Amino acid sequence: MVRRAFRLVGLTVALVAASVGWAKEKAARETLAFPPALKRSGTVSAADLLTSAQKLLPKDAFLGPLLDKRYSVIKYDWLVESFIPYYREAVESLKNVADGKTEGSDCDDFGLFLRQTLGLAGVVGRVASPAAAQVVVFQSRSFSGVGVTRERHMVGLILTDRGWYVIEPQNAEKIEPVERYANRRGIQYITFH
């Protein structure tokens, strides 16, 4: 009888320890750290940024207003080596929390998350807001693991010292120069805020 009691106590302790460990592991996955401090190669005026972004737009597309006077041009190497690895991990943590079935965890929410995470990197880096935008496109071709939907889709657009790049905010698996972006002709709207 004493042996059973010890086994029961041992089993209970093991289950509690496992559940506490699981809870700590889950909490760690659901906690996000600040992004790495944004590294910039310089700044661009709002007027020049607007002119540059307008060149990306097909006929009848819309460009949202700019609110700041200057924006940080992002260092490409920082984007690829520091930010994207952080962002991919953050997206995976966010996916652990999101149910993935509602419109509260779809492309526009991840697009906003990408833009705001880059903005937070600018705050951490104590630099001007990054030259980064959310772009609404018509998804007629697959890109970065997202198949053809034939409907509106949101991606990220970032101005680096190597030019404009498009990023799929739901996974950041591919960073594509805008000139080679499969759905470039389907751009409908660009907003920086």
C-alpha atoms as a PDB file:
ATOM      1  CA  MET A   1       0.000   0.000   0.000  1.00  0.00           C
ATOM      2  CA  VAL A   2       2.830   2.388   0.854  1.00  0.00           C
ATOM      3  CA  ARG A   3       4.460   1.580  -2.469  1.00  0.00           C
ATOM      4  CA  ARG A   4       1.260   2.483  -4.309  1.00  0.00           C
ATOM      5  CA  ALA A   5       1.054   5.728  -2.400  1.00  0.00           C
ATOM      6  CA  PHE A   6       4.630   6.576  -3.359  1.00  0.00           C
ATOM      7  CA  ARG A   7       3.923   5.660  -6.981  1.00  0.00           C
ATOM      8  CA  LEU A   8       0.797   7.799  -6.962  1.00  0.00           C
ATOM      9  CA  VAL A   9       2.677  10.716  -5.383  1.00  0.00           C
ATOM     10  CA  GLY A  10       5.534  10.204  -7.853  1.00  0.00           C
ATOM     11  CA  LEU A  11       3.124  10.126 -10.776  1.00  0.00           C
ATOM     12  CA  THR A  12       1.369  13.242  -9.527  1.00  0.00           C
ATOM     13  CA  VAL A  13       4.690  15.073  -9.106  1.00  0.00           C
ATOM     14  CA  ALA A  14       5.753  14.013 -12.607  1.00  0.00           C
ATOM     15  CA  LEU A  15       2.463  15.193 -14.118  1.00  0.00           C
ATOM     16  CA  VAL A  16       2.646  18.527 -12.297  1.00  0.00           C
ATOM     17  CA  ALA A  17       6.277  18.998 -13.345  1.00  0.00           C
ATOM     18  CA  ALA A  18       5.421  18.141 -16.935  1.00  0.00           C
ATOM     19  CA  SER A  19       2.464  20.510 -16.996  1.00  0.00           C
ATOM     20  CA  VAL A  20       4.506  23.332 -15.416  1.00  0.00           C
ATOM     21  CA  GLY A  21       7.260  22.711 -17.959  1.00  0.00           C
ATOM     22  CA  TRP A  22       4.705  22.695 -20.762  1.00  0.00           C
ATOM     23  CA  ALA A  23       3.145  25.903 -19.456  1.00  0.00           C
ATOM     24  CA  LYS A  24       6.553  27.609 -19.270  1.00  0.00           C
ATOM     25  CA  GLU A  25       7.437  26.400 -22.762  1.00  0.00           C
ATOM     26  CA  LYS A  26       4.070  27.583 -24.100  1.00  0.00           C
ATOM     27  CA  ALA A  27       4.439  30.949 -22.348  1.00  0.00           C
ATOM     28  CA  ALA A  28       7.927  31.325 -23.809  1.00  0.00           C
ATOM     29  CA  ARG A  29       6.545  30.678 -27.311  1.00  0.00           C
ATOM     30  CA  GLU A  30       3.769  33.196 -26.739  1.00  0.00           C
ATOM     31  CA  THR A  31       6.059  35.973 -25.528  1.00  0.00           C
ATOM     32  CA  LEU A  32       7.671  38.264 -28.045  1.00  0.00           C
ATOM     33  CA  ALA A  33      10.911  40.126 -27.461  1.00  0.00           C
ATOM     34  CA  PHE A  34      11.636  43.505 -28.966  1.00  0.00           C
ATOM     35  CA  PRO A  35      12.943  43.299 -32.534  1.00  0.00           C
ATOM     36  CA  PRO A  36      16.596  44.087 -33.258  1.00  0.00           C
ATOM     37  CA  ALA A  37      17.391  47.787 -33.546  1.00  0.00           C
ATOM     38  CA  LEU A  38      16.862  48.994 -37.103  1.00  0.00           C
ATOM     39  CA  LYS A  39      20.038  49.769 -39.030  1.00  0.00           C
ATOM     40  CA  ARG A  40      19.660  52.332 -41.760  1.00  0.00           C
ATOM     41  CA  SER A  41      21.842  53.480 -44.594  1.00  0.00           C
ATOM     42  CA  GLY A  42      20.384  56.988 -44.565  1.00  0.00           C
ATOM     43  CA  THR A  43      17.062  58.755 -44.780  1.00  0.00           C
ATOM     44  CA  VAL A  44      14.736  59.791 -47.548  1.00  0.00           C
ATOM     45  CA  SER A  45      12.347  62.736 -47.527  1.00  0.00           C
ATOM     46  CA  ALA A  46       8.632  62.081 -47.598  1.00  0.00           C
ATOM     47  CA  ALA A  47       8.397  63.752 -51.006  1.00  0.00           C
ATOM     48  CA  ASP A  48      11.150  61.558 -52.494  1.00  0.00           C
ATOM     49  CA  LEU A  49       9.684  58.425 -50.913  1.00  0.00           C
ATOM     50  CA  LEU A  50       6.282  59.276 -52.364  1.00  0.00           C
ATOM     51  CA  THR A  51       7.783  59.818 -55.830  1.00  0.00           C
ATOM     52  CA  SER A  52       9.693  56.534 -55.635  1.00  0.00           C
ATOM     53  CA  ALA A  53       6.632  54.566 -54.466  1.00  0.00           C
ATOM     54  CA  GLN A  54       4.412  56.104 -57.145  1.00  0.00           C
ATOM     55  CA  LYS A  55       6.684  54.605 -59.802  1.00  0.00           C
ATOM     56  CA  LEU A  56       5.777  51.134 -58.494  1.00  0.00           C
ATOM     57  CA  LEU A  57       2.059  51.634 -59.000  1.00  0.00           C
ATOM     58  CA  PRO A  58       0.178  50.365 -62.018  1.00  0.00           C
ATOM     59  CA  LYS A  59      -2.509  52.543 -63.564  1.00  0.00           C
ATOM     60  CA  ASP A  60      -5.487  53.227 -61.250  1.00  0.00           C
ATOM     61  CA  ALA A  61      -3.670  52.067 -58.097  1.00  0.00           C
ATOM     62  CA  PHE A  62      -3.714  54.180 -54.954  1.00  0.00           C
ATOM     63  CA  LEU A  63      -0.913  55.416 -52.683  1.00  0.00           C
ATOM     64  CA  GLY A  64      -1.769  56.287 -49.092  1.00  0.00           C
ATOM     65  CA  PRO A  65      -0.485  59.495 -47.490  1.00  0.00           C
ATOM     66  CA  LEU A  66       2.835  59.881 -45.700  1.00  0.00           C
ATOM     67  CA  LEU A  67       2.742  61.335 -42.198  1.00  0.00           C
ATOM     68  CA  ASP A  68       6.413  61.899 -41.352  1.00  0.00           C
ATOM     69  CA  LYS A  69       8.939  64.269 -42.945  1.00  0.00           C
ATOM     70  CA  ARG A  70      11.759  61.697 -43.259  1.00  0.00           C
ATOM     71  CA  TYR A  71      11.981  57.900 -43.393  1.00  0.00           C
ATOM     72  CA  SER A  72      14.832  55.471 -42.761  1.00  0.00           C
ATOM     73  CA  VAL A  73      16.184  53.571 -45.738  1.00  0.00           C
ATOM     74  CA  ILE A  74      16.810  50.090 -44.308  1.00  0.00           C
ATOM     75  CA  LYS A  75      20.180  48.374 -44.625  1.00  0.00           C
ATOM     76  CA  TYR A  76      19.584  45.256 -46.691  1.00  0.00           C
ATOM     77  CA  ASP A  77      22.142  43.224 -44.732  1.00  0.00           C
ATOM     78  CA  TRP A  78      20.427  44.095 -41.421  1.00  0.00           C
ATOM     79  CA  LEU A  79      17.065  43.137 -42.928  1.00  0.00           C
ATOM     80  CA  VAL A  80      18.276  39.711 -44.061  1.00  0.00           C
ATOM     81  CA  GLU A  81      20.696  38.858 -41.246  1.00  0.00           C
ATOM     82  CA  SER A  82      18.937  40.323 -38.186  1.00  0.00           C
ATOM     83  CA  PHE A  83      15.350  41.307 -38.782  1.00  0.00           C
ATOM     84  CA  ILE A  84      14.026  38.455 -40.946  1.00  0.00           C
ATOM     85  CA  PRO A  85      15.237  35.676 -38.570  1.00  0.00           C
ATOM     86  CA  TYR A  86      13.647  37.566 -35.649  1.00  0.00           C
ATOM     87  CA  TYR A  87      10.444  38.157 -37.619  1.00  0.00           C
ATOM     88  CA  ARG A  88      10.102  34.523 -38.718  1.00  0.00           C
ATOM     89  CA  GLU A  89      10.337  33.414 -35.092  1.00  0.00           C
ATOM     90  CA  ALA A  90       7.833  36.086 -34.042  1.00  0.00           C
ATOM     91  CA  VAL A  91       5.399  34.926 -36.746  1.00  0.00           C
ATOM     92  CA  GLU A  92       5.660  31.338 -35.527  1.00  0.00           C
ATOM     93  CA  SER A  93       4.951  32.502 -31.965  1.00  0.00           C
ATOM     94  CA  LEU A  94       1.980  34.480 -33.194  1.00  0.00           C
ATOM     95  CA  LYS A  95       0.673  31.490 -35.151  1.00  0.00           C
ATOM     96  CA  ASN A  96       0.780  29.442 -31.925  1.00  0.00           C
ATOM     97  CA  VAL A  97      -1.643  31.944 -30.399  1.00  0.00           C
ATOM     98  CA  ALA A  98      -3.856  32.579 -33.448  1.00  0.00           C
ATOM     99  CA  ASP A  99      -6.500  30.089 -34.491  1.00  0.00           C
ATOM    100  CA  GLY A 100      -5.771  30.543 -38.202  1.00  0.00           C
ATOM    101  CA  LYS A 101      -9.451  30.127 -39.063  1.00  0.00           C
ATOM    102  CA  THR A 102     -10.786  33.639 -38.622  1.00  0.00           C
ATOM    103  CA  GLU A 103     -10.144  36.847 -40.461  1.00  0.00           C
ATOM    104  CA  GLY A 104      -8.346  37.985 -37.316  1.00  0.00           C
ATOM    105  CA  SER A 105      -5.272  36.017 -38.339  1.00  0.00           C
ATOM    106  CA  ASP A 106      -5.026  36.395 -42.096  1.00  0.00           C
ATOM    107  CA  CYS A 107      -2.753  38.257 -44.515  1.00  0.00           C
ATOM    108  CA  ASP A 108      -3.787  41.803 -43.625  1.00  0.00           C
ATOM    109  CA  ASP A 109      -3.220  41.141 -39.925  1.00  0.00           C
ATOM    110  CA  PHE A 110       0.232  39.720 -40.635  1.00  0.00           C
ATOM    111  CA  GLY A 111       0.897  42.638 -43.026  1.00  0.00           C
ATOM    112  CA  LEU A 112       0.112  45.062 -40.236  1.00  0.00           C
ATOM    113  CA  PHE A 113       2.249  42.993 -37.854  1.00  0.00           C
ATOM    114  CA  LEU A 114       5.214  43.169 -40.268  1.00  0.00           C
ATOM    115  CA  ARG A 115       4.878  46.932 -40.726  1.00  0.00           C
ATOM    116  CA  GLN A 116       4.454  47.588 -37.002  1.00  0.00           C
ATOM    117  CA  THR A 117       7.338  45.268 -36.080  1.00  0.00           C
ATOM    118  CA  LEU A 118       9.597  47.178 -38.463  1.00  0.00           C
ATOM    119  CA  GLY A 119       8.308  50.396 -36.903  1.00  0.00           C
ATOM    120  CA  LEU A 120       9.154  49.078 -33.449  1.00  0.00           C
ATOM    121  CA  ALA A 121      12.651  48.185 -34.713  1.00  0.00           C
ATOM    122  CA  GLY A 122      12.961  51.844 -35.689  1.00  0.00           C
ATOM    123  CA  VAL A 123      11.900  52.920 -32.208  1.00  0.00           C
ATOM    124  CA  VAL A 124      14.426  50.510 -30.655  1.00  0.00           C
ATOM    125  CA  GLY A 125      17.104  51.802 -33.057  1.00  0.00           C
ATOM    126  CA  ARG A 126      16.151  55.411 -32.306  1.00  0.00           C
ATOM    127  CA  VAL A 127      15.885  56.274 -35.983  1.00  0.00           C
ATOM    128  CA  ALA A 128      13.237  57.741 -38.267  1.00  0.00           C
ATOM    129  CA  SER A 129      10.283  55.543 -39.168  1.00  0.00           C
ATOM    130  CA  PRO A 130      11.313  52.866 -41.684  1.00  0.00           C
ATOM    131  CA  ALA A 131      10.460  53.222 -45.362  1.00  0.00           C
ATOM    132  CA  ALA A 132       8.162  50.204 -45.179  1.00  0.00           C
ATOM    133  CA  ALA A 133       4.590  49.786 -46.360  1.00  0.00           C
ATOM    134  CA  GLN A 134       1.681  47.413 -46.593  1.00  0.00           C
ATOM    135  CA  VAL A 135       0.635  46.603 -50.141  1.00  0.00           C
ATOM    136  CA  VAL A 136      -2.712  45.258 -51.300  1.00  0.00           C
ATOM    137  CA  VAL A 137      -2.334  43.171 -54.453  1.00  0.00           C
ATOM    138  CA  PHE A 138      -4.525  40.944 -56.559  1.00  0.00           C
ATOM    139  CA  GLN A 139      -2.945  37.502 -55.973  1.00  0.00           C
ATOM    140  CA  SER A 140      -3.010  36.052 -59.494  1.00  0.00           C
ATOM    141  CA  ARG A 141       0.298  34.200 -59.042  1.00  0.00           C
ATOM    142  CA  SER A 142       1.740  32.266 -56.132  1.00  0.00           C
ATOM    143  CA  PHE A 143       4.430  33.914 -54.029  1.00  0.00           C
ATOM    144  CA  SER A 144       6.444  32.714 -51.031  1.00  0.00           C
ATOM    145  CA  GLY A 145       4.264  29.722 -50.256  1.00  0.00           C
ATOM    146  CA  VAL A 146       0.939  31.509 -50.747  1.00  0.00           C
ATOM    147  CA  GLY A 147      -0.881  30.104 -53.744  1.00  0.00           C
ATOM    148  CA  VAL A 148      -3.077  31.762 -56.320  1.00  0.00           C
ATOM    149  CA  THR A 149      -6.176  33.114 -54.606  1.00  0.00           C
ATOM    150  CA  ARG A 150      -7.567  35.393 -57.318  1.00  0.00           C
ATOM    151  CA  GLU A 151      -8.516  37.872 -54.618  1.00  0.00           C
ATOM    152  CA  ARG A 152      -6.912  40.670 -52.651  1.00  0.00           C
ATOM    153  CA  HIS A 153      -3.836  39.816 -50.622  1.00  0.00           C
ATOM    154  CA  MET A 154      -1.467  41.891 -48.470  1.00  0.00           C
ATOM    155  CA  VAL A 155       2.333  41.834 -48.616  1.00  0.00           C
ATOM    156  CA  GLY A 156       5.094  44.002 -47.176  1.00  0.00           C
ATOM    157  CA  LEU A 157       7.130  46.504 -49.196  1.00  0.00           C
ATOM    158  CA  ILE A 158      10.482  47.736 -47.886  1.00  0.00           C
ATOM    159  CA  LEU A 159      12.921  50.325 -49.247  1.00  0.00           C
ATOM    160  CA  THR A 160      16.516  49.212 -48.648  1.00  0.00           C
ATOM    161  CA  ASP A 161      19.884  50.507 -49.732  1.00  0.00           C
ATOM    162  CA  ARG A 162      19.586  47.948 -52.572  1.00  0.00           C
ATOM    163  CA  GLY A 163      16.119  49.068 -53.699  1.00  0.00           C
ATOM    164  CA  TRP A 164      12.506  48.042 -53.056  1.00  0.00           C
ATOM    165  CA  TYR A 165      11.752  44.514 -51.778  1.00  0.00           C
ATOM    166  CA  VAL A 166       8.526  42.573 -51.281  1.00  0.00           C
ATOM    167  CA  ILE A 167       8.050  40.205 -48.331  1.00  0.00           C
ATOM    168  CA  GLU A 168       5.213  37.767 -47.640  1.00  0.00           C
ATOM    169  CA  PRO A 169       4.237  38.744 -44.061  1.00  0.00           C
ATOM    170  CA  GLN A 170       2.754  35.346 -43.148  1.00  0.00           C
ATOM    171  CA  ASN A 171       6.133  33.596 -43.380  1.00  0.00           C
ATOM    172  CA  ALA A 172       8.910  35.928 -44.668  1.00  0.00           C
ATOM    173  CA  GLU A 173      10.293  32.952 -46.580  1.00  0.00           C
ATOM    174  CA  LYS A 174      11.045  34.979 -49.676  1.00  0.00           C
ATOM    175  CA  ILE A 175      12.421  38.489 -50.087  1.00  0.00           C
ATOM    176  CA  GLU A 176      11.955  39.520 -53.693  1.00  0.00           C
ATOM    177  CA  PRO A 177      13.052  42.686 -55.528  1.00  0.00           C
ATOM    178  CA  VAL A 178       9.862  44.448 -56.561  1.00  0.00           C
ATOM    179  CA  GLU A 179      10.903  44.233 -60.219  1.00  0.00           C
ATOM    180  CA  ARG A 180      10.694  40.424 -60.015  1.00  0.00           C
ATOM    181  CA  TYR A 181       7.645  40.215 -57.745  1.00  0.00           C
ATOM    182  CA  ALA A 182       5.106  37.901 -59.428  1.00  0.00           C
ATOM    183  CA  ASN A 183       2.049  40.066 -58.615  1.00  0.00           C
ATOM    184  CA  ARG A 184       3.570  43.497 -59.236  1.00  0.00           C
ATOM    185  CA  ARG A 185       1.022  44.342 -61.924  1.00  0.00           C
ATOM    186  CA  GLY A 186      -1.714  43.491 -59.435  1.00  0.00           C
ATOM    187  CA  ILE A 187      -0.740  46.185 -56.917  1.00  0.00           C
ATOM    188  CA  GLN A 188      -3.862  48.091 -55.934  1.00  0.00           C
ATOM    189  CA  TYR A 189      -2.881  50.083 -52.867  1.00  0.00           C
ATOM    190  CA  ILE A 190       0.246  51.072 -50.915  1.00  0.00           C
ATOM    191  CA  THR A 191       0.071  52.535 -47.417  1.00  0.00           C
ATOM    192  CA  PHE A 192       2.972  53.502 -45.191  1.00  0.00           C
ATOM    193  CA  HIS A 193       0.953  53.876 -41.964  1.00  0.00           C
END
